[in-house]
PDB file of N, CA and C in Angstrom:
ATOM      1  N   MET A   1     -46.879 -36.713 -80.036  1.00  0.00           N
ATOM      2  CA  MET A   1     -47.399 -35.372 -79.849  1.00  0.00           C
ATOM      3  C   MET A   1     -47.030 -34.535 -81.064  1.00  0.00           C
ATOM      4  N   LYS A   2     -47.978 -33.789 -81.543  1.00  0.00           N
ATOM      5  CA  LYS A   2     -47.731 -32.880 -82.661  1.00  0.00           C
ATOM      6  C   LYS A   2     -47.322 -31.521 -82.110  1.00  0.00           C
ATOM      7  N   ALA A   3     -46.542 -30.799 -82.873  1.00  0.00           N
ATOM      8  CA  ALA A   3     -46.118 -29.461 -82.451  1.00  0.00           C
ATOM      9  C   ALA A   3     -46.485 -28.462 -83.537  1.00  0.00           C
ATOM     10  N   PHE A   4     -47.000 -27.322 -83.111  1.00  0.00           N
ATOM     11  CA  PHE A   4     -47.349 -26.246 -84.021  1.00  0.00           C
ATOM     12  C   PHE A   4     -46.709 -24.977 -83.494  1.00  0.00           C
ATOM     13  N   GLU A   5     -46.224 -24.177 -84.390  1.00  0.00           N
ATOM     14  CA  GLU A   5     -45.627 -22.905 -83.996  1.00  0.00           C
ATOM     15  C   GLU A   5     -46.330 -21.784 -84.751  1.00  0.00           C
ATOM     16  N   PHE A   6     -46.669 -20.743 -84.018  1.00  0.00           N
ATOM     17  CA  PHE A   6     -47.303 -19.594 -84.648  1.00  0.00           C
ATOM     18  C   PHE A   6     -47.070 -18.369 -83.784  1.00  0.00           C
ATOM     19  N   THR A   7     -47.195 -17.212 -84.402  1.00  0.00           N
ATOM     20  CA  THR A   7     -47.112 -15.970 -83.642  1.00  0.00           C
ATOM     21  C   THR A   7     -48.525 -15.413 -83.521  1.00  0.00           C
ATOM     22  N   THR A   8     -48.768 -14.728 -82.424  1.00  0.00           N
ATOM     23  CA  THR A   8     -50.090 -14.173 -82.173  1.00  0.00           C
ATOM     24  C   THR A   8     -49.962 -13.006 -81.216  1.00  0.00           C
ATOM     25  N   LYS A   9     -51.051 -12.382 -80.922  1.00  0.00           N
ATOM     26  CA  LYS A   9     -51.103 -11.306 -79.934  1.00  0.00           C
ATOM     27  C   LYS A   9     -51.915 -11.798 -78.743  1.00  0.00           C
ATOM     28  N   ILE A  10     -51.494 -11.424 -77.558  1.00  0.00           N
ATOM     29  CA  ILE A  10     -52.264 -11.733 -76.364  1.00  0.00           C
ATOM     30  C   ILE A  10     -53.199 -10.556 -76.113  1.00  0.00           C
ATOM     31  N   LYS A  11     -54.490 -10.842 -76.088  1.00  0.00           N
ATOM     32  CA  LYS A  11     -55.497  -9.801 -75.892  1.00  0.00           C
ATOM     33  C   LYS A  11     -56.384 -10.192 -74.716  1.00  0.00           C
ATOM     34  N   LYS A  12     -56.428  -9.333 -73.709  1.00  0.00           N
ATOM     35  CA  LYS A  12     -57.231  -9.593 -72.508  1.00  0.00           C
ATOM     36  C   LYS A  12     -56.886 -10.951 -71.919  1.00  0.00           C
ATOM     37  N   ASN A  13     -55.591 -11.256 -71.859  1.00  0.00           N
ATOM     38  CA  ASN A  13     -55.068 -12.510 -71.308  1.00  0.00           C
ATOM     39  C   ASN A  13     -55.545 -13.752 -72.062  1.00  0.00           C
ATOM     40  N   LYS A  14     -55.851 -13.609 -73.333  1.00  0.00           N
ATOM     41  CA  LYS A  14     -56.260 -14.741 -74.166  1.00  0.00           C
ATOM     42  C   LYS A  14     -55.370 -14.790 -75.395  1.00  0.00           C
ATOM     43  N   ILE A  15     -55.077 -15.997 -75.825  1.00  0.00           N
ATOM     44  CA  ILE A  15     -54.227 -16.212 -76.992  1.00  0.00           C
ATOM     45  C   ILE A  15     -55.114 -16.596 -78.170  1.00  0.00           C
ATOM     46  N   ASP A  16     -55.026 -15.836 -79.246  1.00  0.00           N
ATOM     47  CA  ASP A  16     -55.772 -16.172 -80.458  1.00  0.00           C
ATOM     48  C   ASP A  16     -55.037 -17.290 -81.194  1.00  0.00           C
ATOM     49  N   ILE A  17     -55.780 -18.342 -81.504  1.00  0.00           N
ATOM     50  CA  ILE A  17     -55.217 -19.462 -82.256  1.00  0.00           C
ATOM     51  C   ILE A  17     -55.588 -19.274 -83.718  1.00  0.00           C
ATOM     52  N   PRO A  18     -54.610 -19.340 -84.615  1.00  0.00           N
ATOM     53  CA  PRO A  18     -54.894 -19.137 -86.043  1.00  0.00           C
ATOM     54  C   PRO A  18     -55.949 -20.129 -86.538  1.00  0.00           C
ATOM     55  N   SER A  19     -56.801 -19.669 -87.430  1.00  0.00           N
ATOM     56  CA  SER A  19     -57.885 -20.518 -87.940  1.00  0.00           C
ATOM     57  C   SER A  19     -57.356 -21.786 -88.599  1.00  0.00           C
ATOM     58  N   ARG A  20     -56.174 -21.710 -89.180  1.00  0.00           N
ATOM     59  CA  ARG A  20     -55.610 -22.902 -89.837  1.00  0.00           C
ATOM     60  C   ARG A  20     -55.321 -24.026 -88.847  1.00  0.00           C
ATOM     61  N   LEU A  21     -55.205 -23.697 -87.558  1.00  0.00           N
ATOM     62  CA  LEU A  21     -54.927 -24.716 -86.543  1.00  0.00           C
ATOM     63  C   LEU A  21     -56.157 -25.090 -85.722  1.00  0.00           C
ATOM     64  N   GLN A  22     -57.204 -24.316 -85.788  1.00  0.00           N
ATOM     65  CA  GLN A  22     -58.378 -24.580 -84.960  1.00  0.00           C
ATOM     66  C   GLN A  22     -59.006 -25.936 -85.261  1.00  0.00           C
ATOM     67  N   ASN A  23     -59.062 -26.318 -86.521  1.00  0.00           N
ATOM     68  CA  ASN A  23     -59.623 -27.622 -86.887  1.00  0.00           C
ATOM     69  C   ASN A  23     -58.754 -28.757 -86.340  1.00  0.00           C
ATOM     70  N   GLU A  24     -57.458 -28.601 -86.435  1.00  0.00           N
ATOM     71  CA  GLU A  24     -56.516 -29.605 -85.916  1.00  0.00           C
ATOM     72  C   GLU A  24     -56.715 -29.795 -84.412  1.00  0.00           C
ATOM     73  N   ILE A  25     -56.884 -28.703 -83.712  1.00  0.00           N
ATOM     74  CA  ILE A  25     -57.083 -28.758 -82.257  1.00  0.00           C
ATOM     75  C   ILE A  25     -58.427 -29.401 -81.924  1.00  0.00           C
ATOM     76  N   ALA A  26     -59.462 -29.077 -82.693  1.00  0.00           N
ATOM     77  CA  ALA A  26     -60.790 -29.634 -82.449  1.00  0.00           C
ATOM     78  C   ALA A  26     -60.801 -31.149 -82.631  1.00  0.00           C
ATOM     79  N   GLN A  27     -59.933 -31.672 -83.475  1.00  0.00           N
ATOM     80  CA  GLN A  27     -59.876 -33.110 -83.732  1.00  0.00           C
ATOM     81  C   GLN A  27     -59.079 -33.868 -82.678  1.00  0.00           C
ATOM     82  N   SER A  28     -58.420 -33.152 -81.789  1.00  0.00           N
ATOM     83  CA  SER A  28     -57.653 -33.804 -80.735  1.00  0.00           C
ATOM     84  C   SER A  28     -58.605 -34.586 -79.831  1.00  0.00           C
ATOM     85  N   GLU A  29     -58.227 -35.814 -79.492  1.00  0.00           N
ATOM     86  CA  GLU A  29     -59.114 -36.683 -78.722  1.00  0.00           C
ATOM     87  C   GLU A  29     -59.391 -36.161 -77.317  1.00  0.00           C
ATOM     88  N   ASP A  30     -58.355 -35.782 -76.591  1.00  0.00           N
ATOM     89  CA  ASP A  30     -58.567 -35.375 -75.194  1.00  0.00           C
ATOM     90  C   ASP A  30     -58.384 -33.875 -74.970  1.00  0.00           C
ATOM     91  N   GLY A  31     -58.017 -33.137 -76.010  1.00  0.00           N
ATOM     92  CA  GLY A  31     -57.868 -31.694 -75.887  1.00  0.00           C
ATOM     93  C   GLY A  31     -56.639 -31.255 -75.112  1.00  0.00           C
ATOM     94  N   ALA A  32     -55.788 -32.193 -74.726  1.00  0.00           N
ATOM     95  CA  ALA A  32     -54.584 -31.840 -73.964  1.00  0.00           C
ATOM     96  C   ALA A  32     -53.597 -31.111 -74.862  1.00  0.00           C
ATOM     97  N   ALA A  33     -52.981 -30.098 -74.304  1.00  0.00           N
ATOM     98  CA  ALA A  33     -51.997 -29.315 -75.049  1.00  0.00           C
ATOM     99  C   ALA A  33     -50.945 -28.799 -74.087  1.00  0.00           C
ATOM    100  N   ARG A  34     -49.775 -28.555 -74.607  1.00  0.00           N
ATOM    101  CA  ARG A  34     -48.706 -27.911 -73.836  1.00  0.00           C
ATOM    102  C   ARG A  34     -48.459 -26.560 -74.484  1.00  0.00           C
ATOM    103  N   VAL A  35     -48.461 -25.533 -73.674  1.00  0.00           N
ATOM    104  CA  VAL A  35     -48.298 -24.179 -74.189  1.00  0.00           C
ATOM    105  C   VAL A  35     -46.994 -23.600 -73.664  1.00  0.00           C
ATOM    106  N   ILE A  36     -46.188 -23.073 -74.564  1.00  0.00           N
ATOM    107  CA  ILE A  36     -44.943 -22.399 -74.203  1.00  0.00           C
ATOM    108  C   ILE A  36     -45.025 -20.995 -74.783  1.00  0.00           C
ATOM    109  N   ILE A  37     -44.848 -19.994 -73.939  1.00  0.00           N
ATOM    110  CA  ILE A  37     -44.912 -18.615 -74.403  1.00  0.00           C
ATOM    111  C   ILE A  37     -43.519 -17.999 -74.349  1.00  0.00           C
ATOM    112  N   LEU A  38     -43.061 -17.500 -75.470  1.00  0.00           N
ATOM    113  CA  LEU A  38     -41.777 -16.820 -75.561  1.00  0.00           C
ATOM    114  C   LEU A  38     -42.047 -15.388 -75.993  1.00  0.00           C
ATOM    115  N   LEU A  39     -41.761 -14.451 -75.137  1.00  0.00           N
ATOM    116  CA  LEU A  39     -41.978 -13.045 -75.456  1.00  0.00           C
ATOM    117  C   LEU A  39     -40.696 -12.438 -75.995  1.00  0.00           C
ATOM    118  N   GLU A  40     -40.822 -11.649 -77.036  1.00  0.00           N
ATOM    119  CA  GLU A  40     -39.669 -10.935 -77.562  1.00  0.00           C
ATOM    120  C   GLU A  40     -39.197  -9.960 -76.496  1.00  0.00           C
ATOM    121  N   GLU A  41     -37.912  -9.922 -76.284  1.00  0.00           N
ATOM    122  CA  GLU A  41     -37.378  -9.054 -75.248  1.00  0.00           C
ATOM    123  C   GLU A  41     -36.313  -8.147 -75.814  1.00  0.00           C
ATOM    124  N   SER A  42     -36.421  -6.897 -75.486  1.00  0.00           N
ATOM    125  CA  SER A  42     -35.431  -5.921 -75.892  1.00  0.00           C
ATOM    126  C   SER A  42     -34.159  -6.153 -75.081  1.00  0.00           C
ATOM    127  N   PRO A  43     -32.980  -6.075 -75.704  1.00  0.00           N
ATOM    128  CA  PRO A  43     -31.747  -6.266 -74.935  1.00  0.00           C
ATOM    129  C   PRO A  43     -31.603  -5.242 -73.814  1.00  0.00           C
ATOM    130  N   ILE A  44     -32.208  -4.076 -73.963  1.00  0.00           N
ATOM    131  CA  ILE A  44     -32.088  -3.035 -72.945  1.00  0.00           C
ATOM    132  C   ILE A  44     -33.005  -3.331 -71.758  1.00  0.00           C
ATOM    133  N   ARG A  45     -33.986  -4.186 -71.937  1.00  0.00           N
ATOM    134  CA  ARG A  45     -34.940  -4.485 -70.871  1.00  0.00           C
ATOM    135  C   ARG A  45     -34.255  -5.092 -69.650  1.00  0.00           C
ATOM    136  N   ASP A  46     -33.204  -5.849 -69.864  1.00  0.00           N
ATOM    137  CA  ASP A  46     -32.496  -6.461 -68.745  1.00  0.00           C
ATOM    138  C   ASP A  46     -31.458  -5.464 -68.239  1.00  0.00           C
ATOM    139  N   GLU A  47     -31.867  -4.646 -67.288  1.00  0.00           N
ATOM    140  CA  GLU A  47     -31.025  -3.560 -66.790  1.00  0.00           C
ATOM    141  C   GLU A  47     -29.738  -4.063 -66.141  1.00  0.00           C
ATOM    142  N   SER A  48     -29.800  -5.177 -65.415  1.00  0.00           N
ATOM    143  CA  SER A  48     -28.594  -5.655 -64.736  1.00  0.00           C
ATOM    144  C   SER A  48     -27.539  -6.103 -65.749  1.00  0.00           C
ATOM    145  N   ALA A  49     -27.960  -6.767 -66.814  1.00  0.00           N
ATOM    146  CA  ALA A  49     -27.013  -7.199 -67.843  1.00  0.00           C
ATOM    147  C   ALA A  49     -26.432  -5.988 -68.568  1.00  0.00           C
ATOM    148  N   LEU A  50     -27.268  -4.995 -68.834  1.00  0.00           N
ATOM    149  CA  LEU A  50     -26.804  -3.788 -69.500  1.00  0.00           C
ATOM    150  C   LEU A  50     -25.799  -3.060 -68.614  1.00  0.00           C
ATOM    151  N   GLY A  51     -26.111  -2.941 -67.324  1.00  0.00           N
ATOM    152  CA  GLY A  51     -25.203  -2.279 -66.385  1.00  0.00           C
ATOM    153  C   GLY A  51     -23.855  -2.982 -66.312  1.00  0.00           C
ATOM    154  N   GLN A  52     -23.886  -4.305 -66.285  1.00  0.00           N
ATOM    155  CA  GLN A  52     -22.654  -5.077 -66.233  1.00  0.00           C
ATOM    156  C   GLN A  52     -21.833  -4.855 -67.497  1.00  0.00           C
ATOM    157  N   LEU A  53     -22.489  -4.829 -68.644  1.00  0.00           N
ATOM    158  CA  LEU A  53     -21.792  -4.595 -69.910  1.00  0.00           C
ATOM    159  C   LEU A  53     -21.142  -3.214 -69.925  1.00  0.00           C
ATOM    160  N   VAL A  54     -21.843  -2.203 -69.423  1.00  0.00           N
ATOM    161  CA  VAL A  54     -21.297  -0.849 -69.381  1.00  0.00           C
ATOM    162  C   VAL A  54     -20.043  -0.809 -68.511  1.00  0.00           C
ATOM    163  N   VAL A  55     -20.113  -1.446 -67.347  1.00  0.00           N
ATOM    164  CA  VAL A  55     -18.958  -1.476 -66.443  1.00  0.00           C
ATOM    165  C   VAL A  55     -17.775  -2.181 -67.113  1.00  0.00           C
ATOM    166  N   GLU A  56     -18.044  -3.327 -67.744  1.00  0.00           N
ATOM    167  CA  GLU A  56     -16.962  -4.070 -68.411  1.00  0.00           C
ATOM    168  C   GLU A  56     -16.309  -3.234 -69.510  1.00  0.00           C
ATOM    169  N   LYS A  57     -17.119  -2.595 -70.332  1.00  0.00           N
ATOM    170  CA  LYS A  57     -16.575  -1.785 -71.429  1.00  0.00           C
ATOM    171  C   LYS A  57     -15.789  -0.590 -70.894  1.00  0.00           C
ATOM    172  N   PHE A  58     -16.295   0.025 -69.830  1.00  0.00           N
ATOM    173  CA  PHE A  58     -15.604   1.160 -69.234  1.00  0.00           C
ATOM    174  C   PHE A  58     -14.244   0.733 -68.691  1.00  0.00           C
ATOM    175  N   LEU A  59     -14.211  -0.399 -68.001  1.00  0.00           N
ATOM    176  CA  LEU A  59     -12.970  -0.844 -67.387  1.00  0.00           C
ATOM    177  C   LEU A  59     -11.954  -1.384 -68.399  1.00  0.00           C
ATOM    178  N   GLU A  60     -12.409  -1.745 -69.597  1.00  0.00           N
ATOM    179  CA  GLU A  60     -11.468  -2.167 -70.638  1.00  0.00           C
ATOM    180  C   GLU A  60     -10.483  -1.044 -70.953  1.00  0.00           C
ATOM    181  N   GLY A  61     -10.936   0.194 -70.855  1.00  0.00           N
ATOM    182  CA  GLY A  61     -10.072   1.338 -71.148  1.00  0.00           C
ATOM    183  C   GLY A  61      -9.336   1.861 -69.925  1.00  0.00           C
ATOM    184  N   TYR A  62      -9.525   1.212 -68.783  1.00  0.00           N
ATOM    185  CA  TYR A  62      -8.900   1.662 -67.535  1.00  0.00           C
ATOM    186  C   TYR A  62      -7.449   1.214 -67.492  1.00  0.00           C
ATOM    187  N   ASP A  63      -6.566   2.125 -67.111  1.00  0.00           N
ATOM    188  CA  ASP A  63      -5.140   1.825 -67.030  1.00  0.00           C
ATOM    189  C   ASP A  63      -4.681   2.116 -65.600  1.00  0.00           C
ATOM    190  N   GLU A  64      -3.606   1.489 -65.187  1.00  0.00           N
ATOM    191  CA  GLU A  64      -3.066   1.725 -63.835  1.00  0.00           C
ATOM    192  C   GLU A  64      -2.767   3.200 -63.596  1.00  0.00           C
ATOM    193  N   SER A  65      -2.364   3.904 -64.638  1.00  0.00           N
ATOM    194  CA  SER A  65      -2.062   5.328 -64.475  1.00  0.00           C
ATOM    195  C   SER A  65      -3.320   6.140 -64.151  1.00  0.00           C
ATOM    196  N   ASP A  66      -4.494   5.568 -64.410  1.00  0.00           N
ATOM    197  CA  ASP A  66      -5.751   6.248 -64.084  1.00  0.00           C
ATOM    198  C   ASP A  66      -6.080   6.169 -62.594  1.00  0.00           C
ATOM    199  N   ALA A  67      -5.373   5.334 -61.849  1.00  0.00           N
ATOM    200  CA  ALA A  67      -5.657   5.146 -60.438  1.00  0.00           C
ATOM    201  C   ALA A  67      -5.497   6.439 -59.641  1.00  0.00           C
ATOM    202  N   ILE A  68      -4.713   7.374 -60.139  1.00  0.00           N
ATOM    203  CA  ILE A  68      -4.527   8.646 -59.447  1.00  0.00           C
ATOM    204  C   ILE A  68      -5.862   9.355 -59.235  1.00  0.00           C
ATOM    205  N   TYR A  69      -6.798   9.163 -60.145  1.00  0.00           N
ATOM    206  CA  TYR A  69      -8.100   9.825 -60.044  1.00  0.00           C
ATOM    207  C   TYR A  69      -9.003   9.162 -59.000  1.00  0.00           C
ATOM    208  N   ASP A  70      -8.702   7.929 -58.617  1.00  0.00           N
ATOM    209  CA  ASP A  70      -9.510   7.232 -57.633  1.00  0.00           C
ATOM    210  C   ASP A  70      -9.401   7.850 -56.242  1.00  0.00           C
ATOM    211  N   THR A  71      -8.239   8.428 -55.931  1.00  0.00           N
ATOM    212  CA  THR A  71      -7.999   8.963 -54.593  1.00  0.00           C
ATOM    213  C   THR A  71      -7.809  10.487 -54.591  1.00  0.00           C
ATOM    214  N   TYR A  72      -8.014  11.110 -55.716  1.00  0.00           N
ATOM    215  CA  TYR A  72      -7.811  12.551 -55.833  1.00  0.00           C
ATOM    216  C   TYR A  72      -8.826  13.306 -55.000  1.00  0.00           C
ATOM    217  N   LYS A  73      -8.356  14.243 -54.191  1.00  0.00           N
ATOM    218  CA  LYS A  73      -9.253  15.047 -53.358  1.00  0.00           C
ATOM    219  C   LYS A  73      -9.029  16.518 -53.687  1.00  0.00           C
ATOM    220  N   ILE A  74     -10.095  17.248 -53.697  1.00  0.00           N
ATOM    221  CA  ILE A  74     -10.017  18.689 -53.951  1.00  0.00           C
ATOM    222  C   ILE A  74      -9.865  19.391 -52.608  1.00  0.00           C
ATOM    223  N   ASP A  75      -8.832  20.201 -52.486  1.00  0.00           N
ATOM    224  CA  ASP A  75      -8.624  20.981 -51.266  1.00  0.00           C
ATOM    225  C   ASP A  75      -9.587  22.153 -51.283  1.00  0.00           C
ATOM    226  N   GLU A  76     -10.300  22.300 -50.186  1.00  0.00           N
ATOM    227  CA  GLU A  76     -11.254  23.418 -50.111  1.00  0.00           C
ATOM    228  C   GLU A  76     -10.765  24.485 -49.179  1.00  0.00           C
TER     229      GLU A  76
END
């Protein structure tokens, strides 16, 4: 099996194949292909991972002496 890698844009749910590869594909005997789509992802897009990172970083600075604020109540 041959492998080709290229970047493209998905337009109307269709993938444009670069012209340099179209001839190669046309020469394939049975036209069978395996398609793998990898979308670029922003690190912020994964909200759960970002939230976990924020909690971890916040707690790195947490000290036992800060525990007083966990149970502090304001008298009204």
